[in-house]
Amino acid sequence: MTCEDAHLNMHDYISGELAAEYHRPLLDHLDECPNCREFFKQTTNIQTTMRDFMQYEAPFELQTAVSSILANA
């Protein structure tokens, strides 16, 4: 697996959407490539932070305003 392939597969792997046959090639590449391993750690941290942040519910006023805008679009 190339570095480019690894980068393309990381997001899907972290989110659990990567097909099983690509797990081992990705993990093997991460074992061998310190640059991709570091990028993977950073990507994992970013996705985890975003997932945690997205668990917060928007204030009712914002939900109402967005719904109104979408209804009139």
PDB file of N, CA and C in Angstrom:
ATOM      1  N   MET A   1       0.855  -1.174   0.000  1.00  0.00           N
ATOM      2  CA  MET A   1       0.000   0.000   0.000  1.00  0.00           C
ATOM      3  C   MET A   1       0.899   1.235   0.000  1.00  0.00           C
ATOM      4  N   THR A   2       0.559   2.202  -0.821  1.00  0.00           N
ATOM      5  CA  THR A   2       1.321   3.448  -0.877  1.00  0.00           C
ATOM      6  C   THR A   2       0.827   4.397   0.203  1.00  0.00           C
ATOM      7  N   CYS A   3       1.588   5.444   0.439  1.00  0.00           N
ATOM      8  CA  CYS A   3       1.177   6.470   1.396  1.00  0.00           C
ATOM      9  C   CYS A   3      -0.139   7.117   0.953  1.00  0.00           C
ATOM     10  N   GLU A   4      -0.276   7.349  -0.330  1.00  0.00           N
ATOM     11  CA  GLU A   4      -1.513   7.953  -0.845  1.00  0.00           C
ATOM     12  C   GLU A   4      -2.713   7.041  -0.574  1.00  0.00           C
ATOM     13  N   ASP A   5      -2.544   5.750  -0.823  1.00  0.00           N
ATOM     14  CA  ASP A   5      -3.623   4.796  -0.536  1.00  0.00           C
ATOM     15  C   ASP A   5      -3.953   4.788   0.947  1.00  0.00           C
ATOM     16  N   ALA A   6      -2.925   4.802   1.777  1.00  0.00           N
ATOM     17  CA  ALA A   6      -3.140   4.795   3.222  1.00  0.00           C
ATOM     18  C   ALA A   6      -3.945   6.017   3.653  1.00  0.00           C
ATOM     19  N   HIS A   7      -3.584   7.177   3.147  1.00  0.00           N
ATOM     20  CA  HIS A   7      -4.304   8.409   3.498  1.00  0.00           C
ATOM     21  C   HIS A   7      -5.761   8.333   3.063  1.00  0.00           C
ATOM     22  N   LEU A   8      -6.004   7.764   1.896  1.00  0.00           N
ATOM     23  CA  LEU A   8      -7.373   7.646   1.400  1.00  0.00           C
ATOM     24  C   LEU A   8      -8.216   6.692   2.246  1.00  0.00           C
ATOM     25  N   ASN A   9      -7.586   5.699   2.836  1.00  0.00           N
ATOM     26  CA  ASN A   9      -8.308   4.686   3.602  1.00  0.00           C
ATOM     27  C   ASN A   9      -8.451   4.997   5.090  1.00  0.00           C
ATOM     28  N   MET A  10      -7.673   5.928   5.604  1.00  0.00           N
ATOM     29  CA  MET A  10      -7.655   6.188   7.041  1.00  0.00           C
ATOM     30  C   MET A  10      -9.008   6.615   7.604  1.00  0.00           C
ATOM     31  N   HIS A  11      -9.661   7.544   6.957  1.00  0.00           N
ATOM     32  CA  HIS A  11     -10.932   8.055   7.478  1.00  0.00           C
ATOM     33  C   HIS A  11     -11.964   6.929   7.572  1.00  0.00           C
ATOM     34  N   ASP A  12     -12.032   6.111   6.529  1.00  0.00           N
ATOM     35  CA  ASP A  12     -12.983   5.008   6.536  1.00  0.00           C
ATOM     36  C   ASP A  12     -12.632   3.981   7.613  1.00  0.00           C
ATOM     37  N   TYR A  13     -11.347   3.745   7.819  1.00  0.00           N
ATOM     38  CA  TYR A  13     -10.924   2.795   8.848  1.00  0.00           C
ATOM     39  C   TYR A  13     -11.334   3.305  10.233  1.00  0.00           C
ATOM     40  N   ILE A  14     -11.045   4.562  10.499  1.00  0.00           N
ATOM     41  CA  ILE A  14     -11.345   5.151  11.805  1.00  0.00           C
ATOM     42  C   ILE A  14     -12.845   5.143  12.072  1.00  0.00           C
ATOM     43  N   SER A  15     -13.638   5.402  11.050  1.00  0.00           N
ATOM     44  CA  SER A  15     -15.094   5.449  11.231  1.00  0.00           C
ATOM     45  C   SER A  15     -15.742   4.066  11.128  1.00  0.00           C
ATOM     46  N   GLY A  16     -14.932   3.026  10.892  1.00  0.00           N
ATOM     47  CA  GLY A  16     -15.458   1.668  10.820  1.00  0.00           C
ATOM     48  C   GLY A  16     -16.107   1.326   9.491  1.00  0.00           C
ATOM     49  N   GLU A  17     -15.825   2.106   8.457  1.00  0.00           N
ATOM     50  CA  GLU A  17     -16.455   1.900   7.164  1.00  0.00           C
ATOM     51  C   GLU A  17     -15.527   1.271   6.119  1.00  0.00           C
ATOM     52  N   LEU A  18     -14.297   1.013   6.487  1.00  0.00           N
ATOM     53  CA  LEU A  18     -13.349   0.435   5.529  1.00  0.00           C
ATOM     54  C   LEU A  18     -13.594  -1.070   5.417  1.00  0.00           C
ATOM     55  N   ALA A  19     -13.655  -1.559   4.192  1.00  0.00           N
ATOM     56  CA  ALA A  19     -13.857  -2.989   3.954  1.00  0.00           C
ATOM     57  C   ALA A  19     -12.736  -3.779   4.630  1.00  0.00           C
ATOM     58  N   ALA A  20     -13.105  -4.927   5.181  1.00  0.00           N
ATOM     59  CA  ALA A  20     -12.187  -5.736   5.985  1.00  0.00           C
ATOM     60  C   ALA A  20     -10.897  -6.103   5.243  1.00  0.00           C
ATOM     61  N   GLU A  21     -10.993  -6.317   3.935  1.00  0.00           N
ATOM     62  CA  GLU A  21      -9.788  -6.737   3.200  1.00  0.00           C
ATOM     63  C   GLU A  21      -8.714  -5.648   3.121  1.00  0.00           C
ATOM     64  N   TYR A  22      -9.067  -4.416   3.464  1.00  0.00           N
ATOM     65  CA  TYR A  22      -8.096  -3.319   3.442  1.00  0.00           C
ATOM     66  C   TYR A  22      -7.493  -3.035   4.812  1.00  0.00           C
ATOM     67  N   HIS A  23      -8.016  -3.660   5.870  1.00  0.00           N
ATOM     68  CA  HIS A  23      -7.493  -3.405   7.219  1.00  0.00           C
ATOM     69  C   HIS A  23      -6.023  -3.786   7.335  1.00  0.00           C
ATOM     70  N   ARG A  24      -5.702  -5.040   6.997  1.00  0.00           N
ATOM     71  CA  ARG A  24      -4.333  -5.534   7.177  1.00  0.00           C
ATOM     72  C   ARG A  24      -3.335  -4.740   6.338  1.00  0.00           C
ATOM     73  N   PRO A  25      -3.597  -4.463   5.057  1.00  0.00           N
ATOM     74  CA  PRO A  25      -2.637  -3.661   4.290  1.00  0.00           C
ATOM     75  C   PRO A  25      -2.418  -2.268   4.908  1.00  0.00           C
ATOM     76  N   LEU A  26      -3.489  -1.658   5.403  1.00  0.00           N
ATOM     77  CA  LEU A  26      -3.347  -0.337   6.025  1.00  0.00           C
ATOM     78  C   LEU A  26      -2.521  -0.438   7.297  1.00  0.00           C
ATOM     79  N   LEU A  27      -2.847  -1.389   8.163  1.00  0.00           N
ATOM     80  CA  LEU A  27      -2.118  -1.538   9.422  1.00  0.00           C
ATOM     81  C   LEU A  27      -0.653  -1.903   9.183  1.00  0.00           C
ATOM     82  N   ASP A  28      -0.398  -2.739   8.188  1.00  0.00           N
ATOM     83  CA  ASP A  28       0.993  -3.072   7.849  1.00  0.00           C
ATOM     84  C   ASP A  28       1.743  -1.828   7.389  1.00  0.00           C
ATOM     85  N   HIS A  29       1.091  -1.013   6.575  1.00  0.00           N
ATOM     86  CA  HIS A  29       1.736   0.214   6.103  1.00  0.00           C
ATOM     87  C   HIS A  29       2.028   1.147   7.274  1.00  0.00           C
ATOM     88  N   LEU A  30       1.080   1.277   8.200  1.00  0.00           N
ATOM     89  CA  LEU A  30       1.293   2.146   9.354  1.00  0.00           C
ATOM     90  C   LEU A  30       2.446   1.653  10.223  1.00  0.00           C
ATOM     91  N   ASP A  31       2.622   0.347  10.315  1.00  0.00           N
ATOM     92  CA  ASP A  31       3.748  -0.215  11.066  1.00  0.00           C
ATOM     93  C   ASP A  31       5.084   0.159  10.432  1.00  0.00           C
ATOM     94  N   GLU A  32       5.094   0.279   9.106  1.00  0.00           N
ATOM     95  CA  GLU A  32       6.338   0.515   8.368  1.00  0.00           C
ATOM     96  C   GLU A  32       6.634   1.984   8.091  1.00  0.00           C
ATOM     97  N   CYS A  33       5.628   2.848   8.155  1.00  0.00           N
ATOM     98  CA  CYS A  33       5.803   4.234   7.709  1.00  0.00           C
ATOM     99  C   CYS A  33       5.534   5.214   8.859  1.00  0.00           C
ATOM    100  N   PRO A  34       6.589   5.790   9.417  1.00  0.00           N
ATOM    101  CA  PRO A  34       6.383   6.711  10.538  1.00  0.00           C
ATOM    102  C   PRO A  34       5.591   7.973  10.170  1.00  0.00           C
ATOM    103  N   ASN A  35       5.738   8.440   8.941  1.00  0.00           N
ATOM    104  CA  ASN A  35       4.986   9.628   8.528  1.00  0.00           C
ATOM    105  C   ASN A  35       3.490   9.350   8.491  1.00  0.00           C
ATOM    106  N   CYS A  36       3.111   8.224   7.920  1.00  0.00           N
ATOM    107  CA  CYS A  36       1.689   7.869   7.861  1.00  0.00           C
ATOM    108  C   CYS A  36       1.157   7.544   9.256  1.00  0.00           C
ATOM    109  N   ARG A  37       1.986   6.912  10.075  1.00  0.00           N
ATOM    110  CA  ARG A  37       1.575   6.607  11.443  1.00  0.00           C
ATOM    111  C   ARG A  37       1.243   7.893  12.207  1.00  0.00           C
ATOM    112  N   GLU A  38       2.064   8.910  12.055  1.00  0.00           N
ATOM    113  CA  GLU A  38       1.810  10.197  12.703  1.00  0.00           C
ATOM    114  C   GLU A  38       0.565  10.861  12.119  1.00  0.00           C
ATOM    115  N   PHE A  39       0.413  10.814  10.807  1.00  0.00           N
ATOM    116  CA  PHE A  39      -0.773  11.377  10.170  1.00  0.00           C
ATOM    117  C   PHE A  39      -2.028  10.652  10.649  1.00  0.00           C
ATOM    118  N   PHE A  40      -1.940   9.334  10.815  1.00  0.00           N
ATOM    119  CA  PHE A  40      -3.061   8.538  11.309  1.00  0.00           C
ATOM    120  C   PHE A  40      -3.442   8.966  12.722  1.00  0.00           C
ATOM    121  N   LYS A  41      -2.450   9.178  13.580  1.00  0.00           N
ATOM    122  CA  LYS A  41      -2.734   9.625  14.949  1.00  0.00           C
ATOM    123  C   LYS A  41      -3.427  10.985  14.941  1.00  0.00           C
ATOM    124  N   GLN A  42      -2.942  11.895  14.117  1.00  0.00           N
ATOM    125  CA  GLN A  42      -3.562  13.220  14.025  1.00  0.00           C
ATOM    126  C   GLN A  42      -4.980  13.127  13.478  1.00  0.00           C
ATOM    127  N   THR A  43      -5.166  12.309  12.459  1.00  0.00           N
ATOM    128  CA  THR A  43      -6.487  12.141  11.853  1.00  0.00           C
ATOM    129  C   THR A  43      -7.463  11.533  12.861  1.00  0.00           C
ATOM    130  N   THR A  44      -7.008  10.545  13.617  1.00  0.00           N
ATOM    131  CA  THR A  44      -7.842   9.931  14.647  1.00  0.00           C
ATOM    132  C   THR A  44      -8.263  10.965  15.678  1.00  0.00           C
ATOM    133  N   ASN A  45      -7.315  11.782  16.117  1.00  0.00           N
ATOM    134  CA  ASN A  45      -7.632  12.818  17.108  1.00  0.00           C
ATOM    135  C   ASN A  45      -8.648  13.817  16.576  1.00  0.00           C
ATOM    136  N   ILE A  46      -8.488  14.226  15.331  1.00  0.00           N
ATOM    137  CA  ILE A  46      -9.420  15.189  14.725  1.00  0.00           C
ATOM    138  C   ILE A  46     -10.811  14.572  14.603  1.00  0.00           C
ATOM    139  N   GLN A  47     -10.893  13.350  14.103  1.00  0.00           N
ATOM    140  CA  GLN A  47     -12.211  12.719  13.940  1.00  0.00           C
ATOM    141  C   GLN A  47     -12.886  12.479  15.283  1.00  0.00           C
ATOM    142  N   THR A  48     -12.117  12.095  16.295  1.00  0.00           N
ATOM    143  CA  THR A  48     -12.686  11.881  17.621  1.00  0.00           C
ATOM    144  C   THR A  48     -13.198  13.196  18.195  1.00  0.00           C
ATOM    145  N   THR A  49     -12.435  14.251  18.042  1.00  0.00           N
ATOM    146  CA  THR A  49     -12.858  15.568  18.532  1.00  0.00           C
ATOM    147  C   THR A  49     -14.120  16.025  17.833  1.00  0.00           C
ATOM    148  N   MET A  50     -14.170  15.861  16.520  1.00  0.00           N
ATOM    149  CA  MET A  50     -15.355  16.272  15.771  1.00  0.00           C
ATOM    150  C   MET A  50     -16.575  15.435  16.159  1.00  0.00           C
ATOM    151  N   ARG A  51     -16.394  14.138  16.324  1.00  0.00           N
ATOM    152  CA  ARG A  51     -17.502  13.264  16.718  1.00  0.00           C
ATOM    153  C   ARG A  51     -18.032  13.673  18.090  1.00  0.00           C
ATOM    154  N   ASP A  52     -17.125  13.960  19.026  1.00  0.00           N
ATOM    155  CA  ASP A  52     -17.533  14.390  20.363  1.00  0.00           C
ATOM    156  C   ASP A  52     -18.258  15.731  20.303  1.00  0.00           C
ATOM    157  N   PHE A  53     -17.750  16.640  19.502  1.00  0.00           N
ATOM    158  CA  PHE A  53     -18.353  17.968  19.380  1.00  0.00           C
ATOM    159  C   PHE A  53     -19.754  17.881  18.787  1.00  0.00           C
ATOM    160  N   MET A  54     -19.941  16.981  17.841  1.00  0.00           N
ATOM    161  CA  MET A  54     -21.216  16.883  17.152  1.00  0.00           C
ATOM    162  C   MET A  54     -22.309  16.263  18.025  1.00  0.00           C
ATOM    163  N   GLN A  55     -21.957  15.770  19.198  1.00  0.00           N
ATOM    164  CA  GLN A  55     -22.943  15.188  20.090  1.00  0.00           C
ATOM    165  C   GLN A  55     -23.742  16.257  20.840  1.00  0.00           C
ATOM    166  N   TYR A  56     -23.279  17.496  20.791  1.00  0.00           N
ATOM    167  CA  TYR A  56     -23.993  18.572  21.456  1.00  0.00           C
ATOM    168  C   TYR A  56     -25.174  19.003  20.597  1.00  0.00           C
ATOM    169  N   GLU A  57     -26.284  19.274  21.247  1.00  0.00           N
ATOM    170  CA  GLU A  57     -27.478  19.681  20.529  1.00  0.00           C
ATOM    171  C   GLU A  57     -27.486  21.199  20.363  1.00  0.00           C
ATOM    172  N   ALA A  58     -27.850  21.633  19.180  1.00  0.00           N
ATOM    173  CA  ALA A  58     -27.943  23.070  18.904  1.00  0.00           C
ATOM    174  C   ALA A  58     -29.084  23.669  19.736  1.00  0.00           C
ATOM    175  N   PRO A  59     -28.939  24.935  20.143  1.00  0.00           N
ATOM    176  CA  PRO A  59     -30.018  25.598  20.879  1.00  0.00           C
ATOM    177  C   PRO A  59     -31.316  25.600  20.063  1.00  0.00           C
ATOM    178  N   PHE A  60     -32.437  25.555  20.752  1.00  0.00           N
ATOM    179  CA  PHE A  60     -33.734  25.489  20.109  1.00  0.00           C
ATOM    180  C   PHE A  60     -33.910  26.630  19.108  1.00  0.00           C
ATOM    181  N   GLU A  61     -33.477  27.839  19.466  1.00  0.00           N
ATOM    182  CA  GLU A  61     -33.637  28.997  18.584  1.00  0.00           C
ATOM    183  C   GLU A  61     -32.894  28.790  17.272  1.00  0.00           C
ATOM    184  N   LEU A  62     -31.723  28.201  17.344  1.00  0.00           N
ATOM    185  CA  LEU A  62     -30.948  27.933  16.132  1.00  0.00           C
ATOM    186  C   LEU A  62     -31.636  26.860  15.290  1.00  0.00           C
ATOM    187  N   GLN A  63     -32.116  25.815  15.917  1.00  0.00           N
ATOM    188  CA  GLN A  63     -32.822  24.769  15.197  1.00  0.00           C
ATOM    189  C   GLN A  63     -34.029  25.350  14.468  1.00  0.00           C
ATOM    190  N   THR A  64     -34.771  26.211  15.159  1.00  0.00           N
ATOM    191  CA  THR A  64     -35.957  26.826  14.568  1.00  0.00           C
ATOM    192  C   THR A  64     -35.585  27.705  13.379  1.00  0.00           C
ATOM    193  N   ALA A  65     -34.528  28.498  13.540  1.00  0.00           N
ATOM    194  CA  ALA A  65     -34.099  29.397  12.461  1.00  0.00           C
ATOM    195  C   ALA A  65     -33.654  28.595  11.235  1.00  0.00           C
ATOM    196  N   VAL A  66     -32.887  27.552  11.446  1.00  0.00           N
ATOM    197  CA  VAL A  66     -32.401  26.725  10.329  1.00  0.00           C
ATOM    198  C   VAL A  66     -33.579  26.038   9.646  1.00  0.00           C
ATOM    199  N   SER A  67     -34.486  25.492  10.431  1.00  0.00           N
ATOM    200  CA  SER A  67     -35.669  24.839   9.857  1.00  0.00           C
ATOM    201  C   SER A  67     -36.482  25.805   9.013  1.00  0.00           C
ATOM    202  N   SER A  68     -36.619  27.027   9.490  1.00  0.00           N
ATOM    203  CA  SER A  68     -37.369  28.045   8.754  1.00  0.00           C
ATOM    204  C   SER A  68     -36.692  28.391   7.430  1.00  0.00           C
ATOM    205  N   ILE A  69     -35.394  28.542   7.481  1.00  0.00           N
ATOM    206  CA  ILE A  69     -34.626  28.849   6.266  1.00  0.00           C
ATOM    207  C   ILE A  69     -34.757  27.715   5.250  1.00  0.00           C
ATOM    208  N   LEU A  70     -34.632  26.476   5.719  1.00  0.00           N
ATOM    209  CA  LEU A  70     -34.726  25.318   4.825  1.00  0.00           C
ATOM    210  C   LEU A  70     -36.140  25.178   4.244  1.00  0.00           C
ATOM    211  N   ALA A  71     -37.130  25.483   5.038  1.00  0.00           N
ATOM    212  CA  ALA A  71     -38.518  25.375   4.569  1.00  0.00           C
ATOM    213  C   ALA A  71     -38.823  26.397   3.491  1.00  0.00           C
ATOM    214  N   ASN A  72     -38.157  27.543   3.537  1.00  0.00           N
ATOM    215  CA  ASN A  72     -38.402  28.617   2.579  1.00  0.00           C
ATOM    216  C   ASN A  72     -37.447  28.595   1.396  1.00  0.00           C
ATOM    217  N   ALA A  73     -36.562  27.619   1.368  1.00  0.00           N
ATOM    218  CA  ALA A  73     -35.565  27.560   0.288  1.00  0.00           C
ATOM    219  C   ALA A  73     -36.140  26.946  -0.962  1.00  0.00           C
TER     220      ALA A  73
END
